[in-house]
Amino acid sequence: MGVWCPVLGTRDGLLLNLPCLSDPVRRSSLFLKLALVALHLFFIGFLLVFDAEFIDKTNLHPWYMSSYFFLFSVTLLQYFLTSGSSPGYVIDAMRDVDETNAMYRNAPTTSSLQQHASRKSGSVVITVEGRRTPTSWQKMVMDLYPPRTSLRNLTCGYCHVEQPPRAKHCHDCDRCVLQFDHHCVWLGTCVGQKNHCKFWWYICEESALCIWTLIKYIDYLTNVTKPWWKNAIIILLLVILVISLIFVLLLLLFHSYLILTNQSTYELVRRKRIPYMRNFPERVHPFSRGIKRNLYNVCCGNDTLDSLPTAYELEDRSRSSSYTCLDILKCRCC
């Protein structure tokens, strides 16, 4: 015979009524977001509480401190924008392509579409039934691969949708993501085709904020006489700041390299495990179109899907991978 506890009953009811708390994955993601925001507020709050000269500096140099608080606010705003953005799901692109083509034909699609709920996220997954006539999405995906590629090998075993090149199923989001880079636990979402630029700007702003905060803590440590326990806390916070800054700077440099070469973290780390990339030369970036075009595709929101390069394109890109520093300065690599 079970005993009902009012506190436990209230907690279980709260978890069931709030969608963000009912799912364990979304609940842990929410707690990580709150922890990250609290960490930012703690570092700036420590200076506001313990640094008596902080307010005086604000009055003497209002533009300087206003710039710091502006960067602090923009960084948090960029974090939430990136966290709430869509990485570009295959199911959404598939629906847009099929609806667009059905609108132009002004006729119903050639196959019946049955919708069913995804196991984790409740997202809509479309499976093709009825006649075997290829849909517009299937035709477009097949055109991105070499001839005589089997459609069965391109179908995701979880979403039952045809994956274009560079797409991958994310088990945390329970969806297939276009140009999948990685699933960021701090953001609670994937980084993909549509939000890679937002993610880069976020880590860029986070790097600048870490550097500025580090300078302010060093200035506070060296210019103000304080008790030993305050020095111990500041040194501990400085160590955390330095470690965070090193990590964020390395992440910024790494993703800058990925954007300039039109690669993803998944393609770089698992290159030999991806079937269509095993035969590509090691130092060739198969989807790169030059630095200027790569930057344009990421920054200007180009939603086109990349096709696998032909033998001629691979040969041309293998030559471009051996540019010298002088060639780069003359923009021959662009």
C-alpha atoms as a PDB file:
ATOM      1  CA  MET A   1       0.000   0.000   0.000  1.00  0.00           C
ATOM      2  CA  GLY A   2       1.607   3.247  -1.133  1.00  0.00           C
ATOM      3  CA  VAL A   3       1.745   6.447   0.878  1.00  0.00           C
ATOM      4  CA  TRP A   4       0.992   9.695  -0.973  1.00  0.00           C
ATOM      5  CA  CYS A   5       3.268  12.595  -0.123  1.00  0.00           C
ATOM      6  CA  PRO A   6       1.907  16.123  -0.821  1.00  0.00           C
ATOM      7  CA  VAL A   7       5.341  17.429  -1.781  1.00  0.00           C
ATOM      8  CA  LEU A   8       6.068  14.576  -4.187  1.00  0.00           C
ATOM      9  CA  GLY A   9       2.549  14.762  -5.600  1.00  0.00           C
ATOM     10  CA  THR A  10       2.915  18.491  -6.231  1.00  0.00           C
ATOM     11  CA  ARG A  11       6.301  17.959  -7.894  1.00  0.00           C
ATOM     12  CA  ASP A  12       5.005  15.175 -10.160  1.00  0.00           C
ATOM     13  CA  GLY A  13       2.008  17.287 -11.150  1.00  0.00           C
ATOM     14  CA  LEU A  14       4.267  20.213 -11.950  1.00  0.00           C
ATOM     15  CA  LEU A  15       6.486  18.021 -14.119  1.00  0.00           C
ATOM     16  CA  LEU A  16       3.483  16.695 -16.032  1.00  0.00           C
ATOM     17  CA  ASN A  17       1.902  20.110 -16.613  1.00  0.00           C
ATOM     18  CA  LEU A  18       5.058  21.854 -17.862  1.00  0.00           C
ATOM     19  CA  PRO A  19       6.342  20.453 -21.186  1.00  0.00           C
ATOM     20  CA  CYS A  20       9.877  21.745 -20.571  1.00  0.00           C
ATOM     21  CA  LEU A  21      10.067  19.754 -17.304  1.00  0.00           C
ATOM     22  CA  SER A  22       8.197  16.573 -18.247  1.00  0.00           C
ATOM     23  CA  ASP A  23      10.881  15.364 -20.673  1.00  0.00           C
ATOM     24  CA  PRO A  24      14.170  14.413 -18.917  1.00  0.00           C
ATOM     25  CA  VAL A  25      16.253  15.585 -21.883  1.00  0.00           C
ATOM     26  CA  ARG A  26      14.565  18.992 -22.042  1.00  0.00           C
ATOM     27  CA  ARG A  27      14.697  19.280 -18.256  1.00  0.00           C
ATOM     28  CA  SER A  28      18.461  18.705 -18.131  1.00  0.00           C
ATOM     29  CA  SER A  29      18.906  21.163 -21.025  1.00  0.00           C
ATOM     30  CA  LEU A  30      16.917  23.789 -19.124  1.00  0.00           C
ATOM     31  CA  PHE A  31      19.034  23.313 -16.006  1.00  0.00           C
ATOM     32  CA  LEU A  32      22.239  23.687 -18.044  1.00  0.00           C
ATOM     33  CA  LYS A  33      20.942  26.928 -19.553  1.00  0.00           C
ATOM     34  CA  LEU A  34      20.059  28.279 -16.116  1.00  0.00           C
ATOM     35  CA  ALA A  35      23.512  27.264 -14.816  1.00  0.00           C
ATOM     36  CA  LEU A  36      25.234  29.060 -17.695  1.00  0.00           C
ATOM     37  CA  VAL A  37      23.235  32.251 -17.154  1.00  0.00           C
ATOM     38  CA  ALA A  38      23.824  32.066 -13.392  1.00  0.00           C
ATOM     39  CA  LEU A  39      27.579  31.714 -13.998  1.00  0.00           C
ATOM     40  CA  HIS A  40      27.594  34.888 -16.100  1.00  0.00           C
ATOM     41  CA  LEU A  41      25.599  36.778 -13.475  1.00  0.00           C
ATOM     42  CA  PHE A  42      27.869  35.532 -10.682  1.00  0.00           C
ATOM     43  CA  PHE A  43      31.061  36.839 -12.292  1.00  0.00           C
ATOM     44  CA  ILE A  44      29.642  40.306 -12.883  1.00  0.00           C
ATOM     45  CA  GLY A  45      27.779  40.300  -9.554  1.00  0.00           C
ATOM     46  CA  PHE A  46      30.980  39.597  -7.606  1.00  0.00           C
ATOM     47  CA  LEU A  47      32.520  42.813  -8.921  1.00  0.00           C
ATOM     48  CA  LEU A  48      29.367  44.800  -8.197  1.00  0.00           C
ATOM     49  CA  VAL A  49      29.238  43.584  -4.585  1.00  0.00           C
ATOM     50  CA  PHE A  50      32.892  43.482  -3.542  1.00  0.00           C
ATOM     51  CA  ASP A  51      34.593  46.078  -5.751  1.00  0.00           C
ATOM     52  CA  ALA A  52      33.958  49.446  -4.099  1.00  0.00           C
ATOM     53  CA  GLU A  53      35.690  51.264  -6.949  1.00  0.00           C
ATOM     54  CA  PHE A  54      33.511  49.617  -9.581  1.00  0.00           C
ATOM     55  CA  ILE A  55      30.700  52.138  -9.154  1.00  0.00           C
ATOM     56  CA  ASP A  56      33.204  55.016  -9.119  1.00  0.00           C
ATOM     57  CA  LYS A  57      34.716  53.755 -12.364  1.00  0.00           C
ATOM     58  CA  THR A  58      31.228  53.597 -13.831  1.00  0.00           C
ATOM     59  CA  ASN A  59      30.638  57.250 -12.960  1.00  0.00           C
ATOM     60  CA  LEU A  60      34.060  58.347 -14.233  1.00  0.00           C
ATOM     61  CA  HIS A  61      33.962  56.357 -17.468  1.00  0.00           C
ATOM     62  CA  PRO A  62      30.295  55.756 -18.297  1.00  0.00           C
ATOM     63  CA  TRP A  63      30.971  54.904 -21.953  1.00  0.00           C
ATOM     64  CA  TYR A  64      33.521  52.257 -20.947  1.00  0.00           C
ATOM     65  CA  MET A  65      31.268  50.493 -18.461  1.00  0.00           C
ATOM     66  CA  SER A  66      28.229  50.926 -20.690  1.00  0.00           C
ATOM     67  CA  SER A  67      30.119  49.145 -23.463  1.00  0.00           C
ATOM     68  CA  TYR A  68      30.914  46.284 -21.095  1.00  0.00           C
ATOM     69  CA  PHE A  69      27.303  45.889 -19.975  1.00  0.00           C
ATOM     70  CA  PHE A  70      26.167  46.148 -23.598  1.00  0.00           C
ATOM     71  CA  LEU A  71      28.501  43.290 -24.578  1.00  0.00           C
ATOM     72  CA  PHE A  72      27.275  41.292 -21.582  1.00  0.00           C
ATOM     73  CA  SER A  73      23.624  41.754 -22.618  1.00  0.00           C
ATOM     74  CA  VAL A  74      24.288  41.050 -26.315  1.00  0.00           C
ATOM     75  CA  THR A  75      26.150  37.835 -25.441  1.00  0.00           C
ATOM     76  CA  LEU A  76      23.257  36.494 -23.372  1.00  0.00           C
ATOM     77  CA  LEU A  77      20.761  37.584 -26.033  1.00  0.00           C
ATOM     78  CA  GLN A  78      22.793  35.826 -28.740  1.00  0.00           C
ATOM     79  CA  TYR A  79      22.922  32.719 -26.557  1.00  0.00           C
ATOM     80  CA  PHE A  80      19.133  32.522 -26.281  1.00  0.00           C
ATOM     81  CA  LEU A  81      18.672  33.308 -29.987  1.00  0.00           C
ATOM     82  CA  THR A  82      21.053  30.490 -30.918  1.00  0.00           C
ATOM     83  CA  SER A  83      19.496  28.130 -28.404  1.00  0.00           C
ATOM     84  CA  GLY A  84      15.997  28.757 -29.751  1.00  0.00           C
ATOM     85  CA  SER A  85      16.933  28.623 -33.433  1.00  0.00           C
ATOM     86  CA  SER A  86      16.354  25.680 -35.730  1.00  0.00           C
ATOM     87  CA  PRO A  87      19.461  23.949 -37.123  1.00  0.00           C
ATOM     88  CA  GLY A  88      17.551  22.989 -40.264  1.00  0.00           C
ATOM     89  CA  TYR A  89      15.671  19.700 -40.075  1.00  0.00           C
ATOM     90  CA  VAL A  90      15.359  17.330 -43.005  1.00  0.00           C
ATOM     91  CA  ILE A  91      11.659  16.801 -42.356  1.00  0.00           C
ATOM     92  CA  ASP A  92      10.970  20.545 -42.691  1.00  0.00           C
ATOM     93  CA  ALA A  93      12.961  20.815 -45.925  1.00  0.00           C
ATOM     94  CA  MET A  94      11.174  17.746 -47.268  1.00  0.00           C
ATOM     95  CA  ARG A  95       7.772  19.203 -46.483  1.00  0.00           C
ATOM     96  CA  ASP A  96       8.655  22.554 -48.089  1.00  0.00           C
ATOM     97  CA  VAL A  97       9.906  20.916 -51.295  1.00  0.00           C
ATOM     98  CA  ASP A  98       6.890  18.624 -51.661  1.00  0.00           C
ATOM     99  CA  GLU A  99       4.403  21.411 -50.908  1.00  0.00           C
ATOM    100  CA  THR A 100       6.089  23.808 -53.324  1.00  0.00           C
ATOM    101  CA  ASN A 101       6.081  21.304 -56.160  1.00  0.00           C
ATOM    102  CA  ALA A 102       2.493  20.263 -55.416  1.00  0.00           C
ATOM    103  CA  MET A 103       1.451  23.928 -55.564  1.00  0.00           C
ATOM    104  CA  TYR A 104       3.111  24.429 -58.956  1.00  0.00           C
ATOM    105  CA  ARG A 105       1.553  21.261 -60.357  1.00  0.00           C
ATOM    106  CA  ASN A 106      -1.819  22.292 -58.889  1.00  0.00           C
ATOM    107  CA  ALA A 107      -2.534  18.662 -58.231  1.00  0.00           C
ATOM    108  CA  PRO A 108      -2.319  16.298 -55.271  1.00  0.00           C
ATOM    109  CA  THR A 109       0.951  14.478 -54.701  1.00  0.00           C
ATOM    110  CA  THR A 110       1.405  11.053 -56.229  1.00  0.00           C
ATOM    111  CA  SER A 111       1.670   9.241 -52.926  1.00  0.00           C
ATOM    112  CA  SER A 112      -0.350   9.254 -49.740  1.00  0.00           C
ATOM    113  CA  LEU A 113       1.381  10.748 -46.714  1.00  0.00           C
ATOM    114  CA  GLN A 114       0.804   9.302 -43.293  1.00  0.00           C
ATOM    115  CA  GLN A 115       1.897  11.319 -40.261  1.00  0.00           C
ATOM    116  CA  HIS A 116       2.929   9.768 -36.991  1.00  0.00           C
ATOM    117  CA  ALA A 117       4.507  11.140 -33.851  1.00  0.00           C
ATOM    118  CA  SER A 118       8.209  10.776 -33.180  1.00  0.00           C
ATOM    119  CA  ARG A 119       9.172   8.757 -30.143  1.00  0.00           C
ATOM    120  CA  LYS A 120      10.840  11.499 -28.095  1.00  0.00           C
ATOM    121  CA  SER A 121      10.149  15.005 -29.262  1.00  0.00           C
ATOM    122  CA  GLY A 122       6.670  14.609 -30.666  1.00  0.00           C
ATOM    123  CA  SER A 123       7.828  15.909 -34.024  1.00  0.00           C
ATOM    124  CA  VAL A 124       6.005  14.987 -37.212  1.00  0.00           C
ATOM    125  CA  VAL A 125       7.629  12.349 -39.375  1.00  0.00           C
ATOM    126  CA  ILE A 126       6.350  11.600 -42.864  1.00  0.00           C
ATOM    127  CA  THR A 127       6.458   8.115 -44.346  1.00  0.00           C
ATOM    128  CA  VAL A 128       5.622   7.378 -47.945  1.00  0.00           C
ATOM    129  CA  GLU A 129       3.011   4.712 -48.624  1.00  0.00           C
ATOM    130  CA  GLY A 130       0.945   3.556 -51.523  1.00  0.00           C
ATOM    131  CA  ARG A 131       2.410   3.719 -55.002  1.00  0.00           C
ATOM    132  CA  ARG A 132       6.176   3.652 -55.546  1.00  0.00           C
ATOM    133  CA  THR A 133       6.269   6.860 -57.555  1.00  0.00           C
ATOM    134  CA  PRO A 134       9.155   9.000 -56.213  1.00  0.00           C
ATOM    135  CA  THR A 135       8.201  12.247 -54.546  1.00  0.00           C
ATOM    136  CA  SER A 136       9.779  15.592 -55.392  1.00  0.00           C
ATOM    137  CA  TRP A 137      12.034  15.321 -52.349  1.00  0.00           C
ATOM    138  CA  GLN A 138      13.208  11.848 -53.314  1.00  0.00           C
ATOM    139  CA  LYS A 139      14.038  13.000 -56.843  1.00  0.00           C
ATOM    140  CA  MET A 140      15.983  15.980 -55.536  1.00  0.00           C
ATOM    141  CA  VAL A 141      17.941  13.858 -53.059  1.00  0.00           C
ATOM    142  CA  MET A 142      18.779  11.280 -55.733  1.00  0.00           C
ATOM    143  CA  ASP A 143      20.145  14.059 -57.958  1.00  0.00           C
ATOM    144  CA  LEU A 144      22.619  14.983 -55.213  1.00  0.00           C
ATOM    145  CA  TYR A 145      24.196  11.528 -55.255  1.00  0.00           C
ATOM    146  CA  PRO A 146      26.043   9.663 -58.019  1.00  0.00           C
ATOM    147  CA  PRO A 147      23.911   7.653 -60.493  1.00  0.00           C
ATOM    148  CA  ARG A 148      22.673   4.201 -59.514  1.00  0.00           C
ATOM    149  CA  THR A 149      22.647   5.054 -55.802  1.00  0.00           C
ATOM    150  CA  SER A 150      20.049   3.013 -53.942  1.00  0.00           C
ATOM    151  CA  LEU A 151      17.319   5.049 -52.287  1.00  0.00           C
ATOM    152  CA  ARG A 152      17.123   2.474 -49.512  1.00  0.00           C
ATOM    153  CA  ASN A 153      20.675   3.272 -48.423  1.00  0.00           C
ATOM    154  CA  LEU A 154      19.775   6.954 -48.094  1.00  0.00           C
ATOM    155  CA  THR A 155      16.730   6.464 -45.863  1.00  0.00           C
ATOM    156  CA  CYS A 156      17.095   7.154 -42.146  1.00  0.00           C
ATOM    157  CA  GLY A 157      16.186   4.157 -40.009  1.00  0.00           C
ATOM    158  CA  TYR A 158      14.616   6.376 -37.336  1.00  0.00           C
ATOM    159  CA  CYS A 159      12.836   9.205 -39.205  1.00  0.00           C
ATOM    160  CA  HIS A 160      12.180   7.173 -42.401  1.00  0.00           C
ATOM    161  CA  VAL A 161      13.113  10.167 -44.552  1.00  0.00           C
ATOM    162  CA  GLU A 162      15.684  10.359 -47.342  1.00  0.00           C
ATOM    163  CA  GLN A 163      18.859  12.072 -46.160  1.00  0.00           C
ATOM    164  CA  PRO A 164      20.714  14.421 -48.522  1.00  0.00           C
ATOM    165  CA  PRO A 165      24.518  14.515 -48.301  1.00  0.00           C
ATOM    166  CA  ARG A 166      25.899  15.915 -45.026  1.00  0.00           C
ATOM    167  CA  ALA A 167      22.671  15.187 -43.101  1.00  0.00           C
ATOM    168  CA  LYS A 168      22.675  13.007 -39.991  1.00  0.00           C
ATOM    169  CA  HIS A 169      20.150  11.783 -37.461  1.00  0.00           C
ATOM    170  CA  CYS A 170      20.596  13.336 -33.997  1.00  0.00           C
ATOM    171  CA  HIS A 171      19.529  10.948 -31.257  1.00  0.00           C
ATOM    172  CA  ASP A 172      19.163  13.782 -28.738  1.00  0.00           C
ATOM    173  CA  CYS A 173      16.778  15.809 -30.929  1.00  0.00           C
ATOM    174  CA  ASP A 174      15.342  12.626 -32.543  1.00  0.00           C
ATOM    175  CA  ARG A 175      15.444  14.290 -35.960  1.00  0.00           C
ATOM    176  CA  CYS A 176      17.673  14.355 -39.016  1.00  0.00           C
ATOM    177  CA  VAL A 177      19.643  17.604 -39.283  1.00  0.00           C
ATOM    178  CA  LEU A 178      20.897  19.239 -42.493  1.00  0.00           C
ATOM    179  CA  GLN A 179      24.687  19.711 -42.514  1.00  0.00           C
ATOM    180  CA  PHE A 180      24.884  18.260 -39.026  1.00  0.00           C
ATOM    181  CA  ASP A 181      27.816  19.674 -37.038  1.00  0.00           C
ATOM    182  CA  HIS A 182      27.219  18.555 -33.448  1.00  0.00           C
ATOM    183  CA  HIS A 183      24.632  18.557 -30.686  1.00  0.00           C
ATOM    184  CA  CYS A 184      25.490  21.245 -28.135  1.00  0.00           C
ATOM    185  CA  VAL A 185      24.320  20.319 -24.638  1.00  0.00           C
ATOM    186  CA  TRP A 186      24.749  23.923 -23.422  1.00  0.00           C
ATOM    187  CA  LEU A 187      22.430  25.202 -26.135  1.00  0.00           C
ATOM    188  CA  GLY A 188      20.061  22.256 -25.913  1.00  0.00           C
ATOM    189  CA  THR A 189      19.898  21.970 -29.697  1.00  0.00           C
ATOM    190  CA  CYS A 190      21.948  20.900 -32.696  1.00  0.00           C
ATOM    191  CA  VAL A 191      24.264  23.108 -34.717  1.00  0.00           C
ATOM    192  CA  GLY A 192      23.522  22.700 -38.398  1.00  0.00           C
ATOM    193  CA  GLN A 193      22.976  24.478 -41.679  1.00  0.00           C
ATOM    194  CA  LYS A 194      20.640  27.226 -40.466  1.00  0.00           C
ATOM    195  CA  ASN A 195      22.207  28.207 -37.132  1.00  0.00           C
ATOM    196  CA  HIS A 196      25.950  27.659 -37.647  1.00  0.00           C
ATOM    197  CA  CYS A 197      26.417  31.385 -38.227  1.00  0.00           C
ATOM    198  CA  LYS A 198      24.502  32.250 -35.028  1.00  0.00           C
ATOM    199  CA  PHE A 199      26.632  29.763 -33.107  1.00  0.00           C
ATOM    200  CA  TRP A 200      29.859  31.324 -34.441  1.00  0.00           C
ATOM    201  CA  TRP A 201      28.744  34.811 -33.440  1.00  0.00           C
ATOM    202  CA  TYR A 202      27.830  33.560 -29.976  1.00  0.00           C
ATOM    203  CA  ILE A 203      31.258  32.027 -29.270  1.00  0.00           C
ATOM    204  CA  CYS A 204      32.893  35.155 -30.743  1.00  0.00           C
ATOM    205  CA  GLU A 205      30.963  37.407 -28.357  1.00  0.00           C
ATOM    206  CA  GLU A 206      31.588  34.975 -25.493  1.00  0.00           C
ATOM    207  CA  SER A 207      35.335  35.135 -26.183  1.00  0.00           C
ATOM    208  CA  ALA A 208      35.304  38.940 -26.124  1.00  0.00           C
ATOM    209  CA  LEU A 209      33.293  38.955 -22.881  1.00  0.00           C
ATOM    210  CA  CYS A 210      35.687  36.477 -21.224  1.00  0.00           C
ATOM    211  CA  ILE A 211      38.715  38.591 -22.199  1.00  0.00           C
ATOM    212  CA  TRP A 212      37.125  41.804 -20.910  1.00  0.00           C
ATOM    213  CA  THR A 213      36.003  40.161 -17.644  1.00  0.00           C
ATOM    214  CA  LEU A 214      39.468  38.665 -17.158  1.00  0.00           C
ATOM    215  CA  ILE A 215      41.040  42.119 -17.526  1.00  0.00           C
ATOM    216  CA  LYS A 216      38.655  43.577 -14.936  1.00  0.00           C
ATOM    217  CA  TYR A 217      39.409  40.788 -12.435  1.00  0.00           C
ATOM    218  CA  ILE A 218      43.179  41.203 -12.874  1.00  0.00           C
ATOM    219  CA  ASP A 219      42.796  44.949 -12.365  1.00  0.00           C
ATOM    220  CA  TYR A 220      40.755  44.362  -9.204  1.00  0.00           C
ATOM    221  CA  LEU A 221      43.297  41.835  -7.866  1.00  0.00           C
ATOM    222  CA  THR A 222      46.333  44.080  -8.357  1.00  0.00           C
ATOM    223  CA  ASN A 223      45.003  47.540  -7.502  1.00  0.00           C
ATOM    224  CA  VAL A 224      42.908  46.995  -4.384  1.00  0.00           C
ATOM    225  CA  THR A 225      44.094  45.855  -0.927  1.00  0.00           C
ATOM    226  CA  LYS A 226      41.740  43.228   0.396  1.00  0.00           C
ATOM    227  CA  PRO A 227      41.596  40.340   2.917  1.00  0.00           C
ATOM    228  CA  TRP A 228      43.138  36.978   2.081  1.00  0.00           C
ATOM    229  CA  TRP A 229      39.812  35.188   1.587  1.00  0.00           C
ATOM    230  CA  LYS A 230      38.804  37.658  -1.119  1.00  0.00           C
ATOM    231  CA  ASN A 231      42.131  37.088  -2.858  1.00  0.00           C
ATOM    232  CA  ALA A 232      41.542  33.338  -2.702  1.00  0.00           C
ATOM    233  CA  ILE A 233      38.079  33.698  -4.265  1.00  0.00           C
ATOM    234  CA  ILE A 234      39.387  36.007  -6.993  1.00  0.00           C
ATOM    235  CA  ILE A 235      42.263  33.651  -7.835  1.00  0.00           C
ATOM    236  CA  LEU A 236      39.792  30.747  -8.069  1.00  0.00           C
ATOM    237  CA  LEU A 237      37.519  32.769 -10.352  1.00  0.00           C
ATOM    238  CA  LEU A 238      40.525  33.802 -12.448  1.00  0.00           C
ATOM    239  CA  VAL A 239      41.482  30.151 -12.939  1.00  0.00           C
ATOM    240  CA  ILE A 240      37.926  29.347 -14.054  1.00  0.00           C
ATOM    241  CA  LEU A 241      37.963  32.346 -16.405  1.00  0.00           C
ATOM    242  CA  VAL A 242      41.302  31.370 -17.964  1.00  0.00           C
ATOM    243  CA  ILE A 243      40.169  27.777 -18.542  1.00  0.00           C
ATOM    244  CA  SER A 244      36.884  28.981 -20.041  1.00  0.00           C
ATOM    245  CA  LEU A 245      38.683  31.509 -22.237  1.00  0.00           C
ATOM    246  CA  ILE A 246      41.110  28.909 -23.589  1.00  0.00           C
ATOM    247  CA  PHE A 247      38.231  26.552 -24.387  1.00  0.00           C
ATOM    248  CA  VAL A 248      36.089  29.238 -26.057  1.00  0.00           C
ATOM    249  CA  LEU A 249      39.014  30.641 -28.093  1.00  0.00           C
ATOM    250  CA  LEU A 250      39.969  27.186 -29.340  1.00  0.00           C
ATOM    251  CA  LEU A 251      36.323  26.552 -30.216  1.00  0.00           C
ATOM    252  CA  LEU A 252      36.163  29.879 -32.073  1.00  0.00           C
ATOM    253  CA  LEU A 253      39.322  29.128 -34.088  1.00  0.00           C
ATOM    254  CA  PHE A 254      38.121  25.600 -34.849  1.00  0.00           C
ATOM    255  CA  HIS A 255      34.718  26.700 -36.141  1.00  0.00           C
ATOM    256  CA  SER A 256      36.293  29.549 -38.108  1.00  0.00           C
ATOM    257  CA  TYR A 257      38.386  26.939 -39.895  1.00  0.00           C
ATOM    258  CA  LEU A 258      35.305  24.782 -40.488  1.00  0.00           C
ATOM    259  CA  ILE A 259      33.359  27.703 -41.978  1.00  0.00           C
ATOM    260  CA  LEU A 260      36.244  28.802 -44.236  1.00  0.00           C
ATOM    261  CA  THR A 261      36.617  25.248 -45.606  1.00  0.00           C
ATOM    262  CA  ASN A 262      32.875  24.384 -45.601  1.00  0.00           C
ATOM    263  CA  GLN A 263      33.237  21.428 -43.257  1.00  0.00           C
ATOM    264  CA  SER A 264      31.421  20.241 -40.163  1.00  0.00           C
ATOM    265  CA  THR A 265      32.706  18.761 -36.934  1.00  0.00           C
ATOM    266  CA  TYR A 266      31.006  15.453 -37.722  1.00  0.00           C
ATOM    267  CA  GLU A 267      32.617  15.244 -41.168  1.00  0.00           C
ATOM    268  CA  LEU A 268      36.046  16.107 -39.804  1.00  0.00           C
ATOM    269  CA  VAL A 269      35.968  13.687 -36.868  1.00  0.00           C
ATOM    270  CA  ARG A 270      34.079  10.780 -38.492  1.00  0.00           C
ATOM    271  CA  ARG A 271      35.345  11.188 -42.049  1.00  0.00           C
ATOM    272  CA  LYS A 272      36.299   7.520 -42.501  1.00  0.00           C
ATOM    273  CA  ARG A 273      32.951   6.324 -41.131  1.00  0.00           C
ATOM    274  CA  ILE A 274      30.815   8.346 -43.553  1.00  0.00           C
ATOM    275  CA  PRO A 275      30.223   6.103 -46.610  1.00  0.00           C
ATOM    276  CA  TYR A 276      30.275   8.800 -49.311  1.00  0.00           C
ATOM    277  CA  MET A 277      33.459  10.438 -47.901  1.00  0.00           C
ATOM    278  CA  ARG A 278      35.671   7.366 -47.550  1.00  0.00           C
ATOM    279  CA  ASN A 279      37.038   7.568 -51.085  1.00  0.00           C
ATOM    280  CA  PHE A 280      37.857  11.286 -50.961  1.00  0.00           C
ATOM    281  CA  PRO A 281      41.531  12.232 -50.528  1.00  0.00           C
ATOM    282  CA  GLU A 282      42.449  13.076 -46.947  1.00  0.00           C
ATOM    283  CA  ARG A 283      43.426  16.723 -47.481  1.00  0.00           C
ATOM    284  CA  VAL A 284      40.630  17.582 -49.921  1.00  0.00           C
ATOM    285  CA  HIS A 285      37.589  19.479 -48.704  1.00  0.00           C
ATOM    286  CA  PRO A 286      34.920  18.067 -51.040  1.00  0.00           C
ATOM    287  CA  PHE A 287      32.247  20.703 -50.367  1.00  0.00           C
ATOM    288  CA  SER A 288      34.463  23.803 -50.339  1.00  0.00           C
ATOM    289  CA  ARG A 289      33.769  26.436 -52.996  1.00  0.00           C
ATOM    290  CA  GLY A 290      36.425  28.934 -52.006  1.00  0.00           C
ATOM    291  CA  ILE A 291      36.646  31.143 -48.934  1.00  0.00           C
ATOM    292  CA  LYS A 292      34.369  33.909 -50.227  1.00  0.00           C
ATOM    293  CA  ARG A 293      31.602  31.551 -51.332  1.00  0.00           C
ATOM    294  CA  ASN A 294      31.866  29.515 -48.118  1.00  0.00           C
ATOM    295  CA  LEU A 295      31.516  32.652 -46.008  1.00  0.00           C
ATOM    296  CA  TYR A 296      28.592  33.838 -48.128  1.00  0.00           C
ATOM    297  CA  ASN A 297      26.756  30.525 -47.761  1.00  0.00           C
ATOM    298  CA  VAL A 298      27.099  30.553 -43.982  1.00  0.00           C
ATOM    299  CA  CYS A 299      26.559  34.256 -43.264  1.00  0.00           C
ATOM    300  CA  CYS A 300      23.847  35.016 -45.824  1.00  0.00           C
ATOM    301  CA  GLY A 301      21.655  32.022 -45.128  1.00  0.00           C
ATOM    302  CA  ASN A 302      22.079  30.043 -48.330  1.00  0.00           C
ATOM    303  CA  ASP A 303      19.750  27.030 -47.922  1.00  0.00           C
ATOM    304  CA  THR A 304      20.892  25.089 -50.992  1.00  0.00           C
ATOM    305  CA  LEU A 305      21.850  21.457 -50.461  1.00  0.00           C
ATOM    306  CA  ASP A 306      25.369  20.342 -51.366  1.00  0.00           C
ATOM    307  CA  SER A 307      25.754  17.588 -53.934  1.00  0.00           C
ATOM    308  CA  LEU A 308      28.624  15.137 -53.989  1.00  0.00           C
ATOM    309  CA  PRO A 309      31.442  16.497 -56.177  1.00  0.00           C
ATOM    310  CA  THR A 310      32.351  14.934 -59.485  1.00  0.00           C
ATOM    311  CA  ALA A 311      35.815  13.579 -60.302  1.00  0.00           C
ATOM    312  CA  TYR A 312      36.718  16.816 -62.115  1.00  0.00           C
ATOM    313  CA  GLU A 313      35.660  18.933 -59.117  1.00  0.00           C
ATOM    314  CA  LEU A 314      37.671  16.711 -56.772  1.00  0.00           C
ATOM    315  CA  GLU A 315      40.757  17.128 -58.934  1.00  0.00           C
ATOM    316  CA  ASP A 316      40.294  20.906 -58.962  1.00  0.00           C
ATOM    317  CA  ARG A 317      39.826  21.027 -55.187  1.00  0.00           C
ATOM    318  CA  SER A 318      42.845  18.794 -54.609  1.00  0.00           C
ATOM    319  CA  ARG A 319      44.931  21.450 -56.403  1.00  0.00           C
ATOM    320  CA  SER A 320      43.378  24.237 -54.336  1.00  0.00           C
ATOM    321  CA  SER A 321      44.294  22.439 -51.098  1.00  0.00           C
ATOM    322  CA  SER A 322      48.009  22.963 -51.834  1.00  0.00           C
ATOM    323  CA  TYR A 323      47.951  26.778 -51.974  1.00  0.00           C
ATOM    324  CA  THR A 324      50.957  28.601 -50.551  1.00  0.00           C
ATOM    325  CA  CYS A 325      50.843  31.577 -48.179  1.00  0.00           C
ATOM    326  CA  LEU A 326      51.517  33.905 -51.144  1.00  0.00           C
ATOM    327  CA  ASP A 327      48.535  32.435 -52.993  1.00  0.00           C
ATOM    328  CA  ILE A 328      46.347  33.053 -49.950  1.00  0.00           C
ATOM    329  CA  LEU A 329      47.530  36.687 -49.688  1.00  0.00           C
ATOM    330  CA  LYS A 330      46.699  37.175 -53.366  1.00  0.00           C
ATOM    331  CA  CYS A 331      43.220  35.655 -52.769  1.00  0.00           C
ATOM    332  CA  ARG A 332      43.790  32.841 -55.266  1.00  0.00           C
ATOM    333  CA  CYS A 333      42.189  30.448 -52.795  1.00  0.00           C
ATOM    334  CA  CYS A 334      38.970  32.473 -52.840  1.00  0.00           C
END
